[in-house]
Amino acid sequence: MANILLIANLNCDRLLLLNKPLQVGGRYHYQDGGQRLGGGGANTGIGLVWAGHDVALVSQVGRDKVGDWLLAEASTMGIDCRLMQRYSQNTCEMLLMMTPDGERTIIRPERPRFQLSAPPNWSQWDALYINSSALGVDDWALSAMSQTLVIAQLAKDCRPRPCHYLITSATDLAGRSELSPWEFGLSIAGSHLRGFIVTHGASGATLYQADGQQLVVAQQAEVVDTTGAGDAYAAGLIHGLLRGIGEVEAMQEGARWAAFAVSTQSSIPGEQLHQYLSQ
């Protein structure tokens, strides 16, 4: 359907299932849930592949056995990894500590600096999705803007994220600025911004635009594992925008994909989403 380029992490997740919620100074027992494919590149990309899109990933992994495993797993799931870079250090695991109520705490290693090379020919791509702190990502976005739909996640700091649609969670937005959400979005994304989407978990998501705002309710779901829910939301949103169904309808599609994600004990999309997209 569409050619989509993702700039996002590819992770080796190690799942630790805790016996009770986290508290400062607490002691915990855990069950080792093993290694699993994760990161925004996999969590977003696999659903888009299942939806019929051609998806390529730009990221980096170590030149070791774990890095080999990550590339093999992502390629097997249908993601084009030919643009992936390798670094000489080992690929460290991302620790996901999951409590019985489905909430997770993430402990991740410091990654080597990731410098993007020259931007590709954007006429070959229908969408660019950015969920990475790679150096040069803003230059890629600016060069893509006139030819390609650009969607970006708000960075953890206030660095520029030139894009048409900016996404963040209410938790990540809290305390960032005294500006209104739309004005803050413009300060990050620039004048090309068409919509700033702030997700509120089970309460839905708000679309901020120059002429107002609109709340789009969440889809009901039984929460099993919240890991990857935001990535799945972004994938569903991208899919909807590329289908041209309108922003609110695209957000509803994102909410549907996120609901499937939290109902699955996995970082990457599960069988419920696969079945939905196969219908």
Protein backbone atom coordinates (compact mmCIF):
# COMPACT_ATOMS: atom_id res chain seq x y z
CA MET A 1 0.00 0.00 0.00
CA ALA A 2 2.64 2.54 1.04
CA ASN A 3 6.39 2.79 1.50
CA ILE A 4 7.15 3.78 5.09
CA LEU A 5 10.55 4.62 6.57
CA LEU A 6 10.96 4.33 10.34
CA ILE A 7 13.75 5.91 12.37
CA ALA A 8 13.30 4.05 15.64
CA ASN A 9 15.07 1.70 18.03
CA LEU A 10 15.32 -2.06 17.66
CA ASN A 11 15.68 -3.64 21.09
CA CYS A 12 16.31 -6.97 22.72
CA ASP A 13 13.85 -6.89 25.62
CA ARG A 14 14.38 -8.97 28.75
CA LEU A 15 11.06 -9.35 30.59
CA LEU A 16 11.15 -9.60 34.40
CA LEU A 17 7.75 -10.45 35.91
CA LEU A 18 7.62 -8.96 39.42
CA ASN A 19 5.48 -10.33 42.23
CA LYS A 20 4.14 -6.92 43.38
CA PRO A 21 4.07 -3.22 42.41
CA LEU A 22 7.32 -1.27 42.67
CA GLN A 23 8.01 0.87 45.72
CA VAL A 24 11.15 2.70 46.84
CA GLY A 25 13.32 0.40 48.96
CA GLY A 26 11.22 -2.68 48.24
CA ARG A 27 12.34 -6.28 47.76
CA TYR A 28 10.92 -8.32 44.91
CA HIS A 29 10.81 -11.77 43.44
CA TYR A 30 10.67 -12.12 39.67
CA GLN A 31 10.13 -14.69 36.98
CA ASP A 32 12.35 -14.41 33.91
CA GLY A 33 10.10 -13.95 30.89
CA GLY A 34 13.04 -14.41 28.50
CA GLN A 35 14.22 -12.38 25.53
CA ARG A 36 11.82 -10.87 23.05
CA LEU A 37 11.95 -8.51 20.10
CA GLY A 38 11.03 -4.94 21.00
CA GLY A 39 11.69 -1.25 20.53
CA GLY A 40 9.73 1.30 18.57
CA GLY A 41 11.07 -0.02 15.26
CA ALA A 42 9.57 -3.48 15.82
CA ASN A 43 6.50 -2.41 17.80
CA THR A 44 5.45 0.09 15.14
CA GLY A 45 6.83 -1.62 12.05
CA ILE A 46 5.34 -5.10 12.39
CA GLY A 47 1.75 -3.87 12.55
CA LEU A 48 2.32 -1.72 9.48
CA VAL A 49 3.76 -4.74 7.64
CA TRP A 50 0.66 -6.76 8.60
CA ALA A 51 -1.46 -3.91 7.21
CA GLY A 52 0.20 -4.42 3.82
CA HIS A 53 2.78 -1.64 3.83
CA ASP A 54 6.45 -1.90 2.83
CA VAL A 55 8.41 -0.88 5.92
CA ALA A 56 12.13 -0.12 6.21
CA LEU A 57 13.95 0.58 9.46
CA VAL A 58 16.84 2.94 10.17
CA SER A 59 18.54 2.22 13.50
CA GLN A 60 21.69 0.60 14.86
CA VAL A 61 22.58 -2.57 16.77
CA GLY A 62 25.85 -4.06 17.93
CA ARG A 63 28.08 -6.26 15.84
CA ASP A 64 27.48 -9.27 18.08
CA LYS A 65 25.20 -12.31 18.40
CA VAL A 66 22.36 -10.30 19.95
CA GLY A 67 22.56 -7.79 17.11
CA ASP A 68 22.49 -10.65 14.60
CA TRP A 69 19.45 -12.10 16.35
CA LEU A 70 17.61 -8.76 16.28
CA LEU A 71 18.17 -8.26 12.57
CA ALA A 72 17.14 -11.84 11.81
CA GLU A 73 13.95 -11.55 13.90
CA ALA A 74 12.93 -8.19 12.43
CA SER A 75 13.63 -9.41 8.88
CA THR A 76 11.60 -12.56 9.47
CA MET A 77 8.67 -10.35 10.54
CA GLY A 78 8.88 -8.55 7.20
CA ILE A 79 10.80 -5.37 8.09
CA ASP A 80 13.46 -4.27 5.59
CA CYS A 81 16.69 -3.97 7.61
CA ARG A 82 19.07 -3.08 4.79
CA LEU A 83 19.48 0.48 6.13
CA MET A 84 20.44 -0.70 9.63
CA GLN A 85 23.86 0.29 10.99
CA ARG A 86 26.16 -1.76 13.24
CA TYR A 87 28.44 -0.56 16.01
CA SER A 88 31.38 -2.38 17.57
CA GLN A 89 30.01 -2.60 21.13
CA ASN A 90 27.74 -5.34 22.43
CA THR A 91 23.97 -4.99 22.08
CA CYS A 92 22.72 -4.71 25.68
CA GLU A 93 19.33 -5.95 26.78
CA MET A 94 16.48 -3.60 27.65
CA LEU A 95 15.05 -4.63 31.04
CA LEU A 96 11.25 -4.53 31.29
CA MET A 97 10.02 -4.98 34.85
CA MET A 98 6.33 -5.91 34.73
CA THR A 99 4.08 -5.72 37.80
CA PRO A 100 0.95 -7.90 38.29
CA ASP A 101 -1.36 -5.03 37.22
CA GLY A 102 0.31 -4.84 33.78
CA GLU A 103 2.36 -1.68 34.39
CA ARG A 104 6.01 -1.73 33.41
CA THR A 105 9.23 0.03 34.36
CA ILE A 106 11.99 0.20 31.74
CA ILE A 107 15.72 0.19 32.47
CA ARG A 108 17.78 0.68 29.35
CA PRO A 109 21.50 0.94 28.67
CA GLU A 110 23.21 4.04 27.36
CA ARG A 111 23.40 3.70 23.59
CA PRO A 112 26.33 4.83 21.42
CA ARG A 113 25.81 8.05 19.48
CA PHE A 114 23.87 7.35 16.29
CA GLN A 115 24.70 9.68 13.40
CA LEU A 116 22.41 9.50 10.37
CA SER A 117 24.04 9.64 6.96
CA ALA A 118 22.73 11.66 4.01
CA PRO A 119 18.92 11.63 3.62
CA PRO A 120 17.42 9.23 1.06
CA ASN A 121 15.50 10.15 -2.08
CA TRP A 122 12.15 11.05 -0.53
CA SER A 123 10.22 10.52 -3.75
CA GLN A 124 10.45 6.79 -2.93
CA TRP A 125 8.74 7.15 0.45
CA ASP A 126 5.14 7.92 1.36
CA ALA A 127 5.75 8.43 5.10
CA LEU A 128 8.60 9.04 7.53
CA TYR A 129 8.11 8.16 11.20
CA ILE A 130 10.59 9.45 13.79
CA ASN A 131 10.96 7.92 17.24
CA SER A 132 14.68 8.31 17.81
CA SER A 133 17.27 10.71 19.19
CA ALA A 134 19.66 10.02 16.31
CA LEU A 135 21.86 12.94 15.31
CA GLY A 136 20.67 14.55 12.10
CA VAL A 137 17.06 13.37 12.38
CA ASP A 138 15.74 16.95 12.15
CA ASP A 139 17.65 17.45 8.88
CA TRP A 140 16.06 14.28 7.47
CA ALA A 141 12.61 15.51 8.51
CA LEU A 142 13.09 18.96 6.97
CA SER A 143 14.30 17.49 3.70
CA ALA A 144 11.33 15.10 3.59
CA MET A 145 8.61 17.61 4.45
CA SER A 146 7.69 18.74 0.93
CA GLN A 147 7.39 15.21 -0.51
CA THR A 148 6.61 12.85 2.34
CA LEU A 149 4.16 12.69 5.25
CA VAL A 150 6.24 13.14 8.43
CA ILE A 151 5.02 11.88 11.82
CA ALA A 152 7.19 12.21 14.93
CA GLN A 153 7.17 11.39 18.61
CA LEU A 154 8.02 14.28 20.94
CA ALA A 155 11.57 13.85 22.20
CA LYS A 156 12.33 13.59 25.91
CA ASP A 157 13.78 17.09 25.73
CA CYS A 158 12.57 20.09 23.73
CA ARG A 159 14.71 19.54 20.65
CA PRO A 160 13.11 20.35 17.26
CA ARG A 161 10.98 17.67 15.63
CA PRO A 162 9.92 19.08 12.24
CA CYS A 163 6.79 17.16 11.22
CA HIS A 164 3.20 17.27 10.03
CA TYR A 165 1.88 15.33 13.04
CA LEU A 166 3.50 15.33 16.48
CA ILE A 167 2.60 12.66 19.07
CA THR A 168 3.23 12.46 22.82
CA SER A 169 1.59 11.23 26.00
CA ALA A 170 0.09 13.49 28.65
CA THR A 171 2.69 12.13 31.08
CA ASP A 172 5.59 13.14 28.84
CA LEU A 173 4.01 16.54 28.15
CA ALA A 174 3.37 17.45 31.79
CA GLY A 175 5.42 20.40 33.02
CA ARG A 176 7.16 20.98 29.69
CA SER A 177 5.89 24.47 28.93
CA GLU A 178 3.50 27.22 29.97
CA LEU A 179 2.37 27.56 26.35
CA SER A 180 -0.93 26.09 25.20
CA PRO A 181 -0.56 22.56 23.76
CA TRP A 182 -0.97 23.83 20.18
CA GLU A 183 1.56 26.64 20.62
CA PHE A 184 4.00 24.23 22.25
CA GLY A 185 3.53 21.77 19.39
CA LEU A 186 4.28 24.54 16.88
CA SER A 187 7.43 25.48 18.79
CA ILE A 188 8.69 21.89 18.39
CA ALA A 189 7.33 20.87 14.98
CA GLY A 190 7.35 24.15 13.07
CA SER A 191 4.84 25.79 10.77
CA HIS A 192 4.09 22.59 8.81
CA LEU A 193 2.31 21.10 11.84
CA ARG A 194 -1.22 19.91 11.05
CA GLY A 195 -2.01 18.24 14.34
CA PHE A 196 -0.54 17.69 17.82
CA ILE A 197 -1.85 14.46 19.36
CA VAL A 198 -1.62 13.91 23.12
CA THR A 199 -2.59 10.46 24.40
CA HIS A 200 -4.18 9.96 27.82
CA GLY A 201 -4.12 6.17 28.16
CA ALA A 202 -7.56 4.77 28.95
CA SER A 203 -9.05 8.27 28.69
CA GLY A 204 -8.33 8.53 24.96
CA ALA A 205 -6.34 11.15 23.06
CA THR A 206 -6.71 14.82 22.23
CA LEU A 207 -6.09 16.32 18.80
CA TYR A 208 -4.88 19.93 19.02
CA GLN A 209 -5.04 22.10 15.90
CA ALA A 210 -4.96 25.79 15.08
CA ASP A 211 -8.77 26.04 15.14
CA GLY A 212 -9.45 24.03 18.30
CA GLN A 213 -9.18 20.63 19.92
CA GLN A 214 -11.06 17.34 19.95
CA LEU A 215 -11.05 14.36 22.31
CA VAL A 216 -11.10 10.90 20.73
CA VAL A 217 -12.09 8.18 23.20
CA ALA A 218 -9.99 5.08 23.80
CA GLN A 219 -11.05 1.55 22.89
CA GLN A 220 -11.97 -0.66 25.83
CA ALA A 221 -9.45 -3.42 26.53
CA GLU A 222 -8.39 -5.86 29.22
CA VAL A 223 -4.88 -4.72 30.16
CA VAL A 224 -2.31 -7.52 30.19
CA ASP A 225 0.90 -5.71 29.16
CA THR A 226 1.16 -1.99 28.37
CA THR A 227 4.56 -2.32 26.67
CA GLY A 228 4.42 -1.07 23.09
CA ALA A 229 0.95 0.47 23.36
CA GLY A 230 2.16 3.92 22.31
CA ASP A 231 4.09 2.42 19.39
CA ALA A 232 1.00 0.49 18.28
CA TYR A 233 -1.09 3.67 18.52
CA ALA A 234 1.38 5.48 16.28
CA ALA A 235 1.29 2.62 13.76
CA GLY A 236 -2.50 2.64 13.59
CA LEU A 237 -2.50 6.42 13.23
CA ILE A 238 0.03 6.27 10.39
CA HIS A 239 -1.99 3.56 8.66
CA GLY A 240 -5.15 5.67 8.93
CA LEU A 241 -3.52 8.87 7.70
CA LEU A 242 -2.05 7.08 4.68
CA ARG A 243 -5.49 5.68 3.86
CA GLY A 244 -6.81 9.25 3.83
CA ILE A 245 -9.65 8.56 6.28
CA GLY A 246 -9.29 11.82 8.24
CA GLU A 247 -7.46 12.69 11.41
CA VAL A 248 -10.14 11.73 13.93
CA GLU A 249 -10.80 8.43 12.17
CA ALA A 250 -7.03 7.78 12.02
CA MET A 251 -6.84 8.39 15.77
CA GLN A 252 -9.69 5.92 16.28
CA GLU A 253 -7.70 3.38 14.30
CA GLY A 254 -4.66 4.11 16.46
CA ALA A 255 -6.76 3.58 19.59
CA ARG A 256 -7.95 0.24 18.21
CA TRP A 257 -4.38 -0.93 17.55
CA ALA A 258 -3.31 0.23 21.04
CA ALA A 259 -6.17 -1.74 22.59
CA PHE A 260 -4.97 -4.89 20.84
CA ALA A 261 -1.44 -4.15 22.09
CA VAL A 262 -2.32 -3.85 25.80
CA SER A 263 -4.39 -7.06 25.55
CA THR A 264 -1.33 -9.02 24.43
CA GLN A 265 1.55 -10.20 26.62
CA SER A 266 4.18 -8.99 24.18
CA SER A 267 6.07 -5.88 23.13
CA ILE A 268 5.47 -6.41 19.43
CA PRO A 269 1.89 -6.60 18.07
CA GLY A 270 0.04 -9.79 18.87
CA GLU A 271 -2.29 -12.19 17.10
CA GLN A 272 -5.42 -10.10 17.80
CA LEU A 273 -4.10 -7.26 15.64
CA HIS A 274 -2.95 -9.72 13.00
CA GLN A 275 -6.43 -11.25 12.79
CA TYR A 276 -8.08 -7.82 12.68
CA LEU A 277 -5.88 -6.72 9.77
CA SER A 278 -6.45 -10.01 7.94
CA GLN A 279 -10.20 -9.48 7.83
